Amino acid sequence: MDVEEQELREQVWKFPATPDSVRLARRDVDRVVQGWGWEPDSSGVDDLVVIVSELVTNVVLHASVPGRDVLVRLRQIEDRCRVEVVDGRPDLLPPTVLQPSEESGRGLLLVRKLSADMGVKRAGGDKIVWAEVHHQGRREAAA
């Protein structure tokens, strides 16, 4: 890909902070990255779908602010795709100690495992949790 062709691709969604939004975010991310030329059912697409699912779920369960939507931003630059999930709570919750019998609380561990890089940053009164996935063998996007 020539330097001139290395464009930034970006998609932004706003979802209500409800459990249904997790499914909608997964579906939309899957559709968009395939439109950008990622192979359907590839590990990169699957990883992005799981990551967005975990990050949106965290907002819905732990960080939603009444009257505020969940903002999901997807960006592709060259060989990586970055998903950012924004919520209206600037506080960074401390890590918890998980017991083996607990059924929840492992979402961010899964995100860290599936992503090439991840982090959290504050932006004004918001918190942005982001993760990046690299892809290989990308097919050419449909014209």
N, C-alpha and C. Protein backbone atom coordinates (compact mmCIF):
# COMPACT_ATOMS: atom_id res chain seq x y z
N MET A 1 0.85 -1.17 0.00
CA MET A 1 0.00 0.00 0.00
C MET A 1 0.89 1.24 0.00
N ASP A 2 0.69 2.14 -0.94
CA ASP A 2 1.46 3.37 -1.00
C ASP A 2 1.10 4.29 0.15
N VAL A 3 2.01 5.21 0.47
CA VAL A 3 1.78 6.15 1.56
C VAL A 3 0.49 6.93 1.33
N GLU A 4 0.22 7.31 0.06
CA GLU A 4 -0.99 8.08 -0.23
C GLU A 4 -2.25 7.26 0.06
N GLU A 5 -2.16 5.93 -0.03
CA GLU A 5 -3.31 5.07 0.18
C GLU A 5 -3.53 4.73 1.65
N GLN A 6 -2.60 5.08 2.52
CA GLN A 6 -2.72 4.75 3.93
C GLN A 6 -3.61 5.76 4.62
N GLU A 7 -4.89 5.63 4.37
CA GLU A 7 -5.85 6.56 4.93
C GLU A 7 -6.31 6.07 6.30
N LEU A 8 -6.76 7.02 7.07
CA LEU A 8 -7.36 6.69 8.35
C LEU A 8 -8.82 6.35 8.11
N ARG A 9 -9.21 5.19 8.55
CA ARG A 9 -10.60 4.80 8.48
C ARG A 9 -11.14 4.89 9.88
N GLU A 10 -12.32 5.49 10.00
CA GLU A 10 -12.89 5.67 11.33
C GLU A 10 -14.40 5.55 11.28
N GLN A 11 -14.93 4.96 12.32
CA GLN A 11 -16.38 4.84 12.49
C GLN A 11 -16.68 5.11 13.96
N VAL A 12 -17.73 5.88 14.21
CA VAL A 12 -18.11 6.21 15.58
C VAL A 12 -19.59 5.89 15.75
N TRP A 13 -19.91 5.27 16.89
CA TRP A 13 -21.30 4.97 17.23
C TRP A 13 -21.59 5.47 18.62
N LYS A 14 -22.86 5.78 18.85
CA LYS A 14 -23.37 6.04 20.20
C LYS A 14 -24.46 5.03 20.47
N PHE A 15 -24.34 4.37 21.61
CA PHE A 15 -25.32 3.37 22.02
C PHE A 15 -25.86 3.75 23.39
N PRO A 16 -27.11 3.45 23.65
CA PRO A 16 -27.60 3.63 25.03
C PRO A 16 -26.87 2.66 25.95
N ALA A 17 -26.75 3.02 27.20
CA ALA A 17 -26.04 2.17 28.16
C ALA A 17 -26.96 1.05 28.64
N THR A 18 -27.31 0.15 27.71
CA THR A 18 -28.19 -0.97 28.01
C THR A 18 -27.54 -2.26 27.52
N PRO A 19 -27.94 -3.39 28.07
CA PRO A 19 -27.35 -4.67 27.62
C PRO A 19 -27.51 -4.93 26.13
N ASP A 20 -28.59 -4.49 25.50
CA ASP A 20 -28.78 -4.69 24.06
C ASP A 20 -27.67 -4.04 23.24
N SER A 21 -27.08 -2.99 23.77
CA SER A 21 -26.03 -2.28 23.02
C SER A 21 -24.78 -3.12 22.83
N VAL A 22 -24.55 -4.08 23.70
CA VAL A 22 -23.38 -4.95 23.54
C VAL A 22 -23.50 -5.72 22.23
N ARG A 23 -24.66 -6.30 21.99
CA ARG A 23 -24.90 -7.06 20.76
C ARG A 23 -24.80 -6.14 19.54
N LEU A 24 -25.37 -4.96 19.63
CA LEU A 24 -25.35 -4.02 18.50
C LEU A 24 -23.92 -3.57 18.19
N ALA A 25 -23.13 -3.33 19.21
CA ALA A 25 -21.73 -2.91 19.00
C ALA A 25 -20.94 -4.03 18.34
N ARG A 26 -21.12 -5.26 18.80
CA ARG A 26 -20.43 -6.41 18.17
C ARG A 26 -20.78 -6.50 16.69
N ARG A 27 -22.07 -6.43 16.40
CA ARG A 27 -22.53 -6.56 15.01
C ARG A 27 -21.95 -5.44 14.14
N ASP A 28 -21.98 -4.22 14.64
CA ASP A 28 -21.51 -3.08 13.84
C ASP A 28 -20.00 -3.12 13.61
N VAL A 29 -19.23 -3.50 14.63
CA VAL A 29 -17.78 -3.60 14.46
C VAL A 29 -17.45 -4.68 13.44
N ASP A 30 -18.10 -5.82 13.55
CA ASP A 30 -17.88 -6.92 12.61
C ASP A 30 -18.17 -6.47 11.17
N ARG A 31 -19.28 -5.81 10.97
CA ARG A 31 -19.68 -5.35 9.63
C ARG A 31 -18.68 -4.34 9.07
N VAL A 32 -18.26 -3.39 9.89
CA VAL A 32 -17.37 -2.32 9.41
C VAL A 32 -15.99 -2.85 9.06
N VAL A 33 -15.38 -3.66 9.92
CA VAL A 33 -14.02 -4.13 9.61
C VAL A 33 -14.02 -5.06 8.41
N GLN A 34 -15.09 -5.81 8.20
CA GLN A 34 -15.17 -6.61 6.98
C GLN A 34 -15.27 -5.70 5.76
N GLY A 35 -15.97 -4.60 5.88
CA GLY A 35 -16.03 -3.62 4.79
C GLY A 35 -14.69 -2.96 4.53
N TRP A 36 -13.85 -2.91 5.53
CA TRP A 36 -12.51 -2.37 5.38
C TRP A 36 -11.53 -3.40 4.83
N GLY A 37 -12.01 -4.61 4.59
CA GLY A 37 -11.16 -5.62 3.97
C GLY A 37 -10.63 -6.70 4.89
N TRP A 38 -11.05 -6.73 6.12
CA TRP A 38 -10.62 -7.80 7.02
C TRP A 38 -11.39 -9.06 6.65
N GLU A 39 -10.72 -10.20 6.69
CA GLU A 39 -11.35 -11.47 6.34
C GLU A 39 -12.43 -11.84 7.35
N PRO A 40 -13.61 -12.21 6.87
CA PRO A 40 -14.66 -12.67 7.79
C PRO A 40 -14.17 -13.88 8.58
N ASP A 41 -14.56 -13.94 9.83
CA ASP A 41 -14.21 -15.05 10.71
C ASP A 41 -12.71 -15.22 10.93
N SER A 42 -11.93 -14.19 10.66
CA SER A 42 -10.49 -14.26 10.95
C SER A 42 -10.27 -13.97 12.43
N SER A 43 -9.09 -14.30 12.91
CA SER A 43 -8.82 -14.06 14.32
C SER A 43 -8.85 -12.57 14.64
N GLY A 44 -8.41 -11.73 13.71
CA GLY A 44 -8.45 -10.29 13.96
C GLY A 44 -9.87 -9.77 14.14
N VAL A 45 -10.78 -10.19 13.27
CA VAL A 45 -12.17 -9.77 13.38
C VAL A 45 -12.77 -10.33 14.66
N ASP A 46 -12.55 -11.61 14.91
CA ASP A 46 -13.09 -12.24 16.12
C ASP A 46 -12.58 -11.54 17.37
N ASP A 47 -11.29 -11.22 17.40
CA ASP A 47 -10.71 -10.55 18.57
C ASP A 47 -11.34 -9.17 18.77
N LEU A 48 -11.50 -8.41 17.70
CA LEU A 48 -12.13 -7.10 17.82
C LEU A 48 -13.55 -7.20 18.34
N VAL A 49 -14.29 -8.17 17.86
CA VAL A 49 -15.68 -8.35 18.29
C VAL A 49 -15.74 -8.68 19.79
N VAL A 50 -14.86 -9.56 20.24
CA VAL A 50 -14.83 -9.90 21.68
C VAL A 50 -14.41 -8.70 22.50
N ILE A 51 -13.40 -7.97 22.03
CA ILE A 51 -12.91 -6.80 22.76
C ILE A 51 -14.01 -5.76 22.91
N VAL A 52 -14.69 -5.42 21.82
CA VAL A 52 -15.74 -4.40 21.93
C VAL A 52 -16.86 -4.90 22.82
N SER A 53 -17.15 -6.17 22.77
CA SER A 53 -18.18 -6.74 23.64
C SER A 53 -17.81 -6.56 25.11
N GLU A 54 -16.59 -6.88 25.46
CA GLU A 54 -16.15 -6.75 26.85
C GLU A 54 -16.11 -5.30 27.31
N LEU A 55 -15.62 -4.41 26.45
CA LEU A 55 -15.51 -3.01 26.85
C LEU A 55 -16.88 -2.35 27.00
N VAL A 56 -17.79 -2.63 26.09
CA VAL A 56 -19.14 -2.05 26.20
C VAL A 56 -19.85 -2.66 27.40
N THR A 57 -19.70 -3.94 27.63
CA THR A 57 -20.30 -4.57 28.81
C THR A 57 -19.82 -3.90 30.09
N ASN A 58 -18.52 -3.61 30.17
CA ASN A 58 -17.99 -2.94 31.36
C ASN A 58 -18.66 -1.60 31.59
N VAL A 59 -18.88 -0.85 30.54
CA VAL A 59 -19.54 0.44 30.71
C VAL A 59 -20.97 0.23 31.19
N VAL A 60 -21.69 -0.67 30.53
CA VAL A 60 -23.09 -0.91 30.89
C VAL A 60 -23.21 -1.36 32.35
N LEU A 61 -22.33 -2.24 32.79
CA LEU A 61 -22.43 -2.79 34.14
C LEU A 61 -21.81 -1.93 35.23
N HIS A 62 -20.73 -1.20 34.89
CA HIS A 62 -19.95 -0.57 35.94
C HIS A 62 -19.72 0.93 35.79
N ALA A 63 -19.89 1.48 34.62
CA ALA A 63 -19.45 2.86 34.43
C ALA A 63 -20.46 3.73 33.70
N SER A 64 -21.69 3.29 33.61
CA SER A 64 -22.66 4.13 32.91
C SER A 64 -23.06 5.31 33.79
N VAL A 65 -23.36 6.39 33.12
CA VAL A 65 -23.81 7.61 33.77
C VAL A 65 -25.22 7.88 33.25
N PRO A 66 -26.18 8.08 34.14
CA PRO A 66 -27.56 8.33 33.68
C PRO A 66 -27.62 9.44 32.63
N GLY A 67 -28.32 9.15 31.55
CA GLY A 67 -28.48 10.12 30.48
C GLY A 67 -27.33 10.20 29.49
N ARG A 68 -26.30 9.39 29.69
CA ARG A 68 -25.14 9.40 28.79
C ARG A 68 -25.09 8.12 27.99
N ASP A 69 -24.82 8.25 26.70
CA ASP A 69 -24.64 7.10 25.83
C ASP A 69 -23.23 6.55 25.97
N VAL A 70 -23.05 5.36 25.46
CA VAL A 70 -21.72 4.74 25.36
C VAL A 70 -21.20 5.08 23.97
N LEU A 71 -20.05 5.70 23.91
CA LEU A 71 -19.43 6.06 22.63
C LEU A 71 -18.41 4.99 22.28
N VAL A 72 -18.53 4.45 21.06
CA VAL A 72 -17.58 3.46 20.56
C VAL A 72 -16.95 4.04 19.30
N ARG A 73 -15.62 4.06 19.28
CA ARG A 73 -14.88 4.58 18.12
C ARG A 73 -13.97 3.47 17.61
N LEU A 74 -14.00 3.26 16.31
CA LEU A 74 -13.16 2.24 15.67
C LEU A 74 -12.30 2.95 14.64
N ARG A 75 -10.99 2.73 14.72
CA ARG A 75 -10.05 3.37 13.78
C ARG A 75 -9.11 2.32 13.23
N GLN A 76 -8.91 2.38 11.92
CA GLN A 76 -7.89 1.53 11.30
C GLN A 76 -6.82 2.42 10.71
N ILE A 77 -5.59 2.12 11.06
CA ILE A 77 -4.44 2.79 10.49
C ILE A 77 -3.45 1.70 10.13
N GLU A 78 -3.14 1.61 8.84
CA GLU A 78 -2.21 0.62 8.33
C GLU A 78 -2.63 -0.78 8.76
N ASP A 79 -1.80 -1.47 9.54
CA ASP A 79 -2.06 -2.87 9.85
C ASP A 79 -2.69 -3.09 11.21
N ARG A 80 -3.28 -2.07 11.78
CA ARG A 80 -3.89 -2.25 13.10
C ARG A 80 -5.25 -1.55 13.15
N CYS A 81 -6.05 -2.01 14.07
CA CYS A 81 -7.34 -1.41 14.29
C CYS A 81 -7.46 -1.13 15.79
N ARG A 82 -7.91 0.05 16.11
CA ARG A 82 -8.04 0.47 17.51
C ARG A 82 -9.50 0.69 17.83
N VAL A 83 -9.96 0.09 18.91
CA VAL A 83 -11.31 0.31 19.39
C VAL A 83 -11.20 1.10 20.69
N GLU A 84 -12.00 2.15 20.79
CA GLU A 84 -12.05 2.97 21.99
C GLU A 84 -13.49 3.00 22.48
N VAL A 85 -13.67 2.83 23.78
CA VAL A 85 -14.99 2.91 24.38
C VAL A 85 -14.93 4.00 25.44
N VAL A 86 -15.82 4.98 25.31
CA VAL A 86 -15.82 6.15 26.17
C VAL A 86 -17.02 6.09 27.11
N ASP A 87 -16.75 6.36 28.37
CA ASP A 87 -17.86 6.49 29.31
C ASP A 87 -17.72 7.81 30.07
N GLY A 88 -18.73 8.18 30.78
CA GLY A 88 -18.76 9.47 31.45
C GLY A 88 -18.18 9.48 32.84
N ARG A 89 -17.50 8.42 33.25
CA ARG A 89 -16.91 8.36 34.58
C ARG A 89 -15.39 8.45 34.48
N PRO A 90 -14.79 9.50 35.01
CA PRO A 90 -13.34 9.65 34.89
C PRO A 90 -12.55 8.77 35.84
N ASP A 91 -13.21 8.19 36.84
CA ASP A 91 -12.48 7.40 37.82
C ASP A 91 -11.99 6.10 37.22
N LEU A 92 -10.79 5.74 37.59
CA LEU A 92 -10.20 4.47 37.17
C LEU A 92 -10.34 3.53 38.36
N LEU A 93 -11.15 2.52 38.20
CA LEU A 93 -11.41 1.61 39.30
C LEU A 93 -10.18 0.77 39.60
N PRO A 94 -9.89 0.54 40.88
CA PRO A 94 -8.71 -0.26 41.23
C PRO A 94 -8.92 -1.72 40.83
N PRO A 95 -7.82 -2.42 40.49
CA PRO A 95 -7.96 -3.84 40.15
C PRO A 95 -8.46 -4.62 41.37
N THR A 96 -9.26 -5.60 41.10
CA THR A 96 -9.79 -6.43 42.19
C THR A 96 -9.10 -7.78 42.16
N VAL A 97 -9.09 -8.43 43.29
CA VAL A 97 -8.55 -9.78 43.39
C VAL A 97 -9.71 -10.73 43.10
N LEU A 98 -9.53 -11.56 42.10
CA LEU A 98 -10.59 -12.48 41.69
C LEU A 98 -10.42 -13.83 42.39
N GLN A 99 -11.54 -14.38 42.77
CA GLN A 99 -11.56 -15.73 43.31
C GLN A 99 -11.84 -16.68 42.15
N PRO A 100 -11.25 -17.88 42.15
CA PRO A 100 -11.47 -18.82 41.04
C PRO A 100 -12.94 -19.14 40.79
N SER A 101 -13.77 -19.08 41.81
CA SER A 101 -15.18 -19.44 41.66
C SER A 101 -16.03 -18.31 41.08
N GLU A 102 -15.48 -17.09 40.99
CA GLU A 102 -16.26 -15.96 40.46
C GLU A 102 -16.48 -16.13 38.96
N GLU A 103 -17.70 -15.78 38.53
CA GLU A 103 -18.06 -15.94 37.13
C GLU A 103 -17.85 -14.68 36.30
N SER A 104 -17.57 -13.56 36.92
CA SER A 104 -17.35 -12.33 36.17
C SER A 104 -16.10 -11.65 36.70
N GLY A 105 -15.72 -10.56 36.04
CA GLY A 105 -14.57 -9.81 36.48
C GLY A 105 -13.31 -10.07 35.69
N ARG A 106 -13.42 -10.84 34.60
CA ARG A 106 -12.23 -11.17 33.82
C ARG A 106 -12.20 -10.49 32.46
N GLY A 107 -13.13 -9.60 32.21
CA GLY A 107 -13.24 -8.97 30.90
C GLY A 107 -11.99 -8.24 30.46
N LEU A 108 -11.42 -7.42 31.34
CA LEU A 108 -10.23 -6.68 30.95
C LEU A 108 -9.01 -7.59 30.81
N LEU A 109 -8.99 -8.68 31.56
CA LEU A 109 -7.91 -9.66 31.37
C LEU A 109 -8.01 -10.28 29.98
N LEU A 110 -9.22 -10.57 29.55
CA LEU A 110 -9.43 -11.11 28.21
C LEU A 110 -9.05 -10.09 27.14
N VAL A 111 -9.43 -8.84 27.34
CA VAL A 111 -9.06 -7.78 26.39
C VAL A 111 -7.55 -7.68 26.29
N ARG A 112 -6.87 -7.70 27.42
CA ARG A 112 -5.40 -7.61 27.40
C ARG A 112 -4.79 -8.79 26.65
N LYS A 113 -5.35 -9.98 26.83
CA LYS A 113 -4.84 -11.18 26.16
C LYS A 113 -5.03 -11.12 24.65
N LEU A 114 -6.18 -10.61 24.20
CA LEU A 114 -6.50 -10.59 22.77
C LEU A 114 -5.89 -9.42 22.02
N SER A 115 -5.52 -8.36 22.71
CA SER A 115 -5.05 -7.15 22.03
C SER A 115 -3.53 -7.10 21.96
N ALA A 116 -3.05 -6.39 20.94
CA ALA A 116 -1.62 -6.14 20.81
C ALA A 116 -1.18 -5.09 21.82
N ASP A 117 -2.11 -4.20 22.18
CA ASP A 117 -1.83 -3.14 23.15
C ASP A 117 -3.18 -2.65 23.67
N MET A 118 -3.18 -2.15 24.89
CA MET A 118 -4.41 -1.57 25.44
C MET A 118 -4.04 -0.56 26.50
N GLY A 119 -5.02 0.28 26.85
CA GLY A 119 -4.78 1.26 27.89
C GLY A 119 -6.05 1.99 28.27
N VAL A 120 -5.88 2.89 29.21
CA VAL A 120 -6.97 3.72 29.70
C VAL A 120 -6.44 5.14 29.80
N LYS A 121 -7.25 6.09 29.39
CA LYS A 121 -6.84 7.49 29.54
C LYS A 121 -8.07 8.32 29.91
N ARG A 122 -7.80 9.44 30.50
CA ARG A 122 -8.86 10.39 30.82
C ARG A 122 -8.88 11.46 29.74
N ALA A 123 -10.08 11.90 29.43
CA ALA A 123 -10.25 12.99 28.45
C ALA A 123 -11.36 13.88 29.00
N GLY A 124 -10.96 14.99 29.59
CA GLY A 124 -11.95 15.85 30.22
C GLY A 124 -12.59 15.10 31.37
N GLY A 125 -13.90 15.03 31.38
CA GLY A 125 -14.61 14.29 32.42
C GLY A 125 -14.89 12.86 32.05
N ASP A 126 -14.33 12.38 30.96
CA ASP A 126 -14.59 11.03 30.48
C ASP A 126 -13.39 10.13 30.69
N LYS A 127 -13.64 8.83 30.56
CA LYS A 127 -12.59 7.82 30.56
C LYS A 127 -12.68 7.10 29.23
N ILE A 128 -11.54 6.83 28.63
CA ILE A 128 -11.48 6.09 27.37
C ILE A 128 -10.65 4.83 27.61
N VAL A 129 -11.26 3.69 27.38
CA VAL A 129 -10.54 2.43 27.43
C VAL A 129 -10.35 1.99 25.98
N TRP A 130 -9.12 1.69 25.60
CA TRP A 130 -8.83 1.36 24.21
C TRP A 130 -8.01 0.08 24.12
N ALA A 131 -8.11 -0.53 22.95
CA ALA A 131 -7.32 -1.73 22.65
C ALA A 131 -7.05 -1.76 21.16
N GLU A 132 -5.92 -2.33 20.79
CA GLU A 132 -5.54 -2.44 19.38
C GLU A 132 -5.32 -3.89 19.00
N VAL A 133 -5.71 -4.20 17.77
CA VAL A 133 -5.52 -5.53 17.19
C VAL A 133 -4.81 -5.35 15.87
N HIS A 134 -3.81 -6.18 15.62
CA HIS A 134 -3.11 -6.19 14.33
C HIS A 134 -3.72 -7.28 13.47
N HIS A 135 -3.66 -7.08 12.18
CA HIS A 135 -4.16 -8.13 11.29
C HIS A 135 -3.11 -8.46 10.25
N GLN A 136 -3.23 -9.68 9.74
CA GLN A 136 -2.32 -10.16 8.72
C GLN A 136 -3.16 -10.73 7.58
N GLY A 137 -2.61 -10.70 6.40
CA GLY A 137 -3.29 -11.30 5.27
C GLY A 137 -4.60 -10.62 4.93
N ARG A 138 -4.66 -9.32 5.10
CA ARG A 138 -5.88 -8.59 4.84
C ARG A 138 -6.22 -8.65 3.36
N ARG A 139 -7.46 -8.93 3.05
CA ARG A 139 -7.89 -8.92 1.66
C ARG A 139 -8.13 -7.48 1.24
N GLU A 140 -8.18 -7.23 -0.03
CA GLU A 140 -8.45 -5.88 -0.51
C GLU A 140 -9.89 -5.52 -0.25
N ALA A 141 -10.12 -4.33 0.21
CA ALA A 141 -11.49 -3.87 0.50
C ALA A 141 -12.27 -3.77 -0.80
N ALA A 142 -13.54 -4.03 -0.70
CA ALA A 142 -14.41 -3.91 -1.88
C ALA A 142 -14.46 -2.46 -2.31
N ALA A 143 -14.46 -2.26 -3.61
CA ALA A 143 -14.46 -0.89 -4.15
C ALA A 143 -15.79 -0.21 -3.99
